[in-house]
N, C-alpha and C. Protein backbone atom coordinates (compact mmCIF):
# COMPACT_ATOMS: atom_id res chain seq x y z
N MET A 1 22.55 -48.13 -58.63
CA MET A 1 23.78 -47.35 -57.87
C MET A 1 22.08 -47.57 -56.26
N ILE A 2 23.67 -47.52 -55.85
CA ILE A 2 23.12 -47.73 -53.49
C ILE A 2 23.71 -46.39 -53.26
N VAL A 3 23.08 -45.55 -53.32
CA VAL A 3 23.09 -44.05 -52.64
C VAL A 3 22.41 -44.35 -51.52
N GLU A 4 23.81 -43.74 -50.00
CA GLU A 4 23.11 -43.82 -48.88
C GLU A 4 22.98 -42.81 -49.07
N ALA A 5 22.02 -42.36 -47.91
CA ALA A 5 21.75 -41.11 -46.45
C ALA A 5 22.29 -40.98 -45.54
N GLN A 6 22.54 -40.02 -45.72
CA GLN A 6 23.83 -39.57 -44.36
C GLN A 6 22.59 -39.25 -43.80
N ALA A 7 22.30 -39.42 -42.20
CA ALA A 7 21.49 -38.28 -41.59
C ALA A 7 22.68 -37.68 -41.24
N THR A 8 21.73 -36.35 -40.72
CA THR A 8 22.25 -34.55 -39.94
C THR A 8 21.26 -35.11 -39.15
N VAL A 9 21.84 -34.34 -38.21
CA VAL A 9 21.26 -33.74 -36.74
C VAL A 9 21.14 -32.72 -36.59
N ILE A 10 19.88 -32.26 -36.42
CA ILE A 10 20.44 -30.48 -35.89
C ILE A 10 20.26 -30.36 -34.90
N GLU A 11 20.52 -29.83 -34.04
CA GLU A 11 20.81 -29.80 -32.46
C GLU A 11 19.88 -28.76 -32.15
N ALA A 12 18.35 -28.03 -31.73
CA ALA A 12 18.39 -27.11 -31.15
C ALA A 12 19.22 -26.04 -29.49
N ALA A 13 19.41 -25.20 -29.96
CA ALA A 13 19.34 -24.18 -28.97
C ALA A 13 19.12 -24.67 -28.61
N ASN A 14 19.38 -25.03 -26.17
CA ASN A 14 18.41 -24.82 -25.11
C ASN A 14 17.97 -23.61 -24.79
N ASN A 15 16.77 -23.22 -25.33
CA ASN A 15 16.62 -21.51 -24.52
C ASN A 15 15.94 -21.83 -23.19
N PHE A 16 15.72 -23.63 -22.96
CA PHE A 16 14.69 -23.38 -21.72
C PHE A 16 15.33 -24.38 -20.54
N GLY A 17 16.46 -23.90 -20.46
CA GLY A 17 17.38 -24.92 -18.67
C GLY A 17 17.53 -23.95 -18.37
N ASP A 18 18.34 -23.57 -17.86
CA ASP A 18 19.03 -23.37 -16.88
C ASP A 18 18.77 -21.91 -16.47
N THR A 19 17.35 -21.19 -16.26
CA THR A 19 17.45 -19.82 -16.33
C THR A 19 17.14 -19.50 -15.61
N ARG A 20 17.39 -19.92 -13.90
CA ARG A 20 17.44 -19.44 -12.89
C ARG A 20 19.04 -18.21 -13.06
N GLU A 21 19.75 -18.52 -12.90
CA GLU A 21 20.81 -17.49 -13.86
C GLU A 21 20.08 -15.67 -13.79
N GLY A 22 20.11 -15.35 -12.73
CA GLY A 22 20.55 -13.74 -13.69
C GLY A 22 18.66 -13.51 -12.60
N ALA A 23 17.49 -14.54 -12.40
CA ALA A 23 16.29 -14.04 -12.71
C ALA A 23 16.17 -13.14 -12.11
N GLY A 24 14.98 -11.73 -11.35
CA GLY A 24 13.99 -11.98 -10.83
C GLY A 24 13.13 -11.17 -11.05
N ALA A 25 12.91 -11.54 -12.25
CA ALA A 25 12.02 -11.02 -11.93
C ALA A 25 10.06 -10.97 -11.22
N GLY A 26 10.34 -12.12 -11.47
CA GLY A 26 8.92 -13.44 -10.64
C GLY A 26 8.91 -12.44 -9.04
N PRO A 27 10.12 -12.42 -8.62
CA PRO A 27 9.29 -11.63 -7.39
C PRO A 27 9.51 -10.25 -7.48
N MET A 28 10.04 -9.34 -7.77
CA MET A 28 10.66 -8.02 -8.32
C MET A 28 9.31 -7.83 -8.71
N ALA A 29 8.70 -7.86 -9.51
CA ALA A 29 7.24 -7.69 -10.21
C ALA A 29 6.26 -8.11 -9.14
N LEU A 30 6.29 -9.50 -8.37
CA LEU A 30 5.39 -9.19 -7.06
C LEU A 30 5.61 -8.36 -6.52
N ALA A 31 6.55 -8.04 -5.70
CA ALA A 31 6.51 -6.67 -5.34
C ALA A 31 6.14 -5.31 -5.40
N VAL A 32 6.41 -5.26 -6.56
CA VAL A 32 6.26 -3.65 -7.71
C VAL A 32 4.85 -3.83 -7.18
N VAL A 33 3.90 -4.86 -8.06
CA VAL A 33 2.51 -5.20 -8.03
C VAL A 33 1.73 -4.24 -6.05
N ALA A 34 2.81 -5.39 -4.86
CA ALA A 34 1.95 -4.86 -3.69
C ALA A 34 2.24 -3.84 -2.83
N LEU A 35 3.82 -3.27 -3.52
CA LEU A 35 4.01 -2.12 -3.50
C LEU A 35 1.98 -0.76 -3.98
N LEU A 36 2.60 -1.40 -5.16
CA LEU A 36 1.34 -0.45 -5.88
C LEU A 36 -0.42 -0.63 -5.07
N ALA A 37 -0.35 -1.74 -4.23
CA ALA A 37 -1.33 -2.46 -4.03
C ALA A 37 -1.46 -1.91 -2.53
N ILE A 38 -0.33 -1.71 -1.49
CA ILE A 38 -0.74 -0.34 -0.98
C ILE A 38 -1.23 0.38 -0.56
N ALA A 39 -0.09 2.07 -1.70
CA ALA A 39 -0.07 2.30 -2.20
C ALA A 39 -1.50 3.60 -2.23
N THR A 40 -2.58 2.35 -3.84
CA THR A 40 -3.36 2.58 -3.93
C THR A 40 -4.19 2.36 -2.90
N ILE A 41 -4.17 1.18 -1.51
CA ILE A 41 -5.17 1.43 -0.53
C ILE A 41 -5.41 2.67 0.43
N LEU A 42 -3.31 2.68 0.77
CA LEU A 42 -3.74 4.17 1.02
C LEU A 42 -4.14 5.32 1.00
N LEU A 43 -3.78 5.23 -0.48
CA LEU A 43 -4.08 6.49 -1.36
C LEU A 43 -6.79 6.91 -0.63
N TRP A 44 -6.98 5.68 -1.28
CA TRP A 44 -7.99 5.47 -1.15
C TRP A 44 -9.33 5.74 0.37
N ARG A 45 -7.77 5.24 1.40
CA ARG A 45 -8.45 5.31 2.78
C ARG A 45 -9.22 6.69 2.74
N ASN A 46 -7.14 7.44 2.61
CA ASN A 46 -6.90 9.11 2.42
C ASN A 46 -8.88 10.14 2.32
N MET A 47 -8.46 9.88 0.67
CA MET A 47 -9.41 10.51 -0.09
C MET A 47 -11.40 10.31 0.63
N THR A 48 -11.42 9.64 1.20
CA THR A 48 -12.61 8.90 1.07
C THR A 48 -12.41 10.17 2.72
N ALA A 49 -11.59 9.65 3.30
CA ALA A 49 -12.19 10.87 4.22
C ALA A 49 -11.42 12.53 4.36
N ARG A 50 -10.96 12.99 3.31
CA ARG A 50 -11.04 13.91 2.92
C ARG A 50 -12.75 13.99 1.97
N ILE A 51 -13.48 13.66 1.60
CA ILE A 51 -14.27 13.27 1.03
C ILE A 51 -15.68 13.38 2.11
N LYS A 52 -15.35 13.10 3.42
CA LYS A 52 -16.46 13.23 4.33
C LYS A 52 -15.94 14.10 5.48
N ARG A 53 -15.49 14.97 5.26
CA ARG A 53 -15.21 15.28 5.52
C ARG A 53 -16.13 17.27 4.99
N LEU A 54 -16.21 16.93 3.53
CA LEU A 54 -16.62 18.55 2.78
C LEU A 54 -17.56 18.16 3.41
N PRO A 55 -18.18 19.38 2.77
CA PRO A 55 -19.54 19.72 3.29
C PRO A 55 -20.62 19.71 3.11
N ALA A 56 -22.03 19.35 2.73
CA ALA A 56 -23.19 18.50 2.82
C ALA A 56 -23.31 19.56 1.37
N SER A 57 -23.15 21.18 1.11
CA SER A 57 -22.89 21.03 -0.40
C SER A 57 -22.42 22.52 0.32
N PHE A 58 -22.45 23.22 -1.16
CA PHE A 58 -21.39 24.63 -1.52
C PHE A 58 -21.89 26.27 -1.83
N ASP A 59 -23.58 25.91 -1.34
CA ASP A 59 -24.58 27.09 -1.82
C ASP A 59 -23.61 27.72 -0.67
N ARG A 60 -23.62 29.39 -1.37
CA ARG A 60 -23.05 31.02 -1.06
C ARG A 60 -24.65 31.07 -0.10
N THR A 61 -24.14 31.69 1.16
CA THR A 61 -24.71 33.12 1.63
C THR A 61 -25.19 33.59 1.14
N GLU A 62 -24.36 34.11 0.56
CA GLU A 62 -24.28 35.78 0.93
C GLU A 62 -24.18 35.92 -1.28
N ASP A 63 -24.23 37.27 -1.38
CA ASP A 63 -23.74 37.93 -3.25
C ASP A 63 -22.72 37.93 -3.07
N PRO A 64 -21.55 37.20 -3.64
CA PRO A 64 -20.66 37.72 -4.58
C PRO A 64 -19.88 39.42 -4.29
N LYS A 65 -21.01 40.05 -5.24
CA LYS A 65 -20.45 41.12 -5.29
C LYS A 65 -19.97 41.87 -4.15
N THR A 66 -21.38 41.66 -3.23
CA THR A 66 -21.69 42.90 -1.53
C THR A 66 -20.70 41.95 -1.10
N ALA A 67 -20.04 41.08 -0.69
CA ALA A 67 -19.64 41.01 -0.57
C ALA A 67 -17.82 41.73 -0.07
N PRO A 68 -17.79 41.96 1.33
CA PRO A 68 -15.66 42.33 1.66
C PRO A 68 -15.30 42.02 0.29
N ASP A 69 -14.89 42.29 -0.10
CA ASP A 69 -13.13 42.10 -0.39
C ASP A 69 -12.15 40.97 0.41
N GLU A 70 -11.54 40.29 0.13
CA GLU A 70 -10.42 40.28 0.91
C GLU A 70 -9.25 40.94 1.44
N ALA A 71 -9.21 41.05 0.17
CA ALA A 71 -8.31 42.68 0.83
C ALA A 71 -8.39 43.12 1.67
N GLU A 72 -9.69 44.21 1.04
CA GLU A 72 -10.11 45.24 1.95
C GLU A 72 -10.26 44.54 3.92
N SER A 73 -10.50 43.41 4.52
CA SER A 73 -10.90 42.80 5.75
C SER A 73 -9.15 42.48 5.66
N THR A 74 -7.99 42.82 5.14
CA THR A 74 -6.84 41.90 5.55
C THR A 74 -6.32 43.10 5.99
N ASN A 75 -6.52 44.20 5.47
CA ASN A 75 -6.29 45.76 5.46
C ASN A 75 -6.95 45.97 6.24
N LYS A 76 -8.19 46.02 6.96
CA LYS A 76 -8.98 46.39 8.55
C LYS A 76 -8.53 45.30 9.24
N ALA A 77 -7.53 44.28 8.75
CA ALA A 77 -6.93 44.11 10.48
C ALA A 77 -5.93 44.45 10.33
N ALA A 78 -4.87 44.51 9.74
CA ALA A 78 -3.64 45.12 10.19
C ALA A 78 -3.62 46.19 10.95
N LYS A 79 -4.43 47.39 10.22
CA LYS A 79 -5.22 48.70 10.67
C LYS A 79 -5.50 48.50 12.06
N ALA A 80 -6.21 47.22 12.94
CA ALA A 80 -6.66 47.19 14.15
C ALA A 80 -5.04 46.51 14.41
N ALA A 81 -4.75 45.79 14.01
CA ALA A 81 -3.61 45.66 14.93
C ALA A 81 -2.78 47.03 15.66
N THR A 82 -1.93 47.73 14.13
CA THR A 82 -1.31 48.79 14.22
C THR A 82 -1.96 50.34 15.02
N GLU A 83 -3.61 49.52 15.65
CA GLU A 83 -3.91 51.04 16.29
C GLU A 83 -4.05 49.96 17.82
N THR A 84 -3.80 48.72 18.13
CA THR A 84 -3.80 48.19 19.55
C THR A 84 -2.68 47.57 19.85
N THR A 85 -1.10 48.83 19.03
CA THR A 85 0.23 48.43 19.64
C THR A 85 0.63 49.70 19.52
N ALA A 86 0.17 50.91 18.74
CA ALA A 86 0.26 53.00 19.88
C ALA A 86 -1.18 52.28 20.44
N ALA A 87 -2.15 51.57 21.09
CA ALA A 87 -2.30 51.91 22.27
C ALA A 87 -1.41 51.22 23.22
N ARG A 88 -0.91 50.13 23.96
CA ARG A 88 -0.66 49.71 24.39
C ARG A 88 0.53 50.12 24.71
N THR A 89 1.87 51.12 23.06
CA THR A 89 2.82 51.89 23.36
C THR A 89 2.76 53.80 24.75
N ASP A 90 1.31 54.03 23.98
CA ASP A 90 0.58 54.91 25.42
C ASP A 90 0.89 54.83 26.20
N ALA A 91 -0.20 53.71 26.64
CA ALA A 91 0.19 53.51 28.00
C ALA A 91 0.60 53.03 28.75
N VAL A 92 2.07 52.25 28.41
CA VAL A 92 3.45 53.11 29.08
C VAL A 92 3.70 53.64 29.30
N ALA A 93 4.05 53.83 28.13
CA ALA A 93 4.41 55.88 28.12
C ALA A 93 4.07 56.35 29.22
N ALA A 94 2.71 56.54 29.36
CA ALA A 94 2.11 57.14 30.77
C ALA A 94 1.82 56.72 31.33
N ASP A 95 2.70 55.17 32.69
CA ASP A 95 2.45 54.96 33.54
C ASP A 95 4.38 55.34 34.14
N PRO A 96 4.27 56.21 34.63
CA PRO A 96 5.42 56.48 35.45
C PRO A 96 5.55 55.07 36.20
N THR A 97 5.67 54.93 36.79
CA THR A 97 6.16 53.42 38.04
C THR A 97 6.61 52.58 37.25
N GLY A 98 5.73 51.56 35.73
CA GLY A 98 6.49 50.79 34.67
C GLY A 98 6.07 49.54 35.44
N ALA A 99 5.20 49.79 35.63
CA ALA A 99 4.45 48.15 36.16
C ALA A 99 2.78 48.36 34.65
N ASP A 100 2.77 47.39 34.70
CA ASP A 100 2.41 46.52 34.09
C ASP A 100 0.74 46.89 34.14
N ALA A 101 0.22 47.62 32.73
CA ALA A 101 -0.99 48.45 32.74
C ALA A 101 -2.85 47.08 33.01
N GLY A 102 -2.02 46.15 33.13
CA GLY A 102 -3.80 45.16 32.75
C GLY A 102 -3.22 43.67 33.96
N SER A 103 -1.93 44.10 34.35
CA SER A 103 -2.13 44.14 36.09
C SER A 103 -2.65 44.51 37.59
N THR A 104 -3.65 43.46 38.43
CA THR A 104 -3.13 44.06 38.98
C THR A 104 -3.49 44.16 41.26
N GLU A 105 -2.55 43.93 41.31
CA GLU A 105 -2.22 44.05 42.48
C GLU A 105 -3.19 44.21 44.25
N ARG A 106 -3.45 43.69 44.44
CA ARG A 106 -4.19 43.57 45.80
C ARG A 106 -3.96 43.68 47.47
């Protein structure tokens, strides 16, 4: 009995053939990495400049318990502005000629 063996040839799928079709990962990845590098450098420079502008120390010179309240100082400034406006209005009303009280004629 002679048995002839048939040779079966199985071809593998070509997964390594023409891969240029639709391929853009290489150049796109390079562009993304380049943009991230540029953004990092710009952020680094900006933060370095901001750190250089900071004072050497943040020590308080006055006791926070005795410091005037921010709202209180704002109220004082608003009151002073109102008094100045009222004084100017009185000066204009008192001048019958209509001339500017601050101008001087020679």
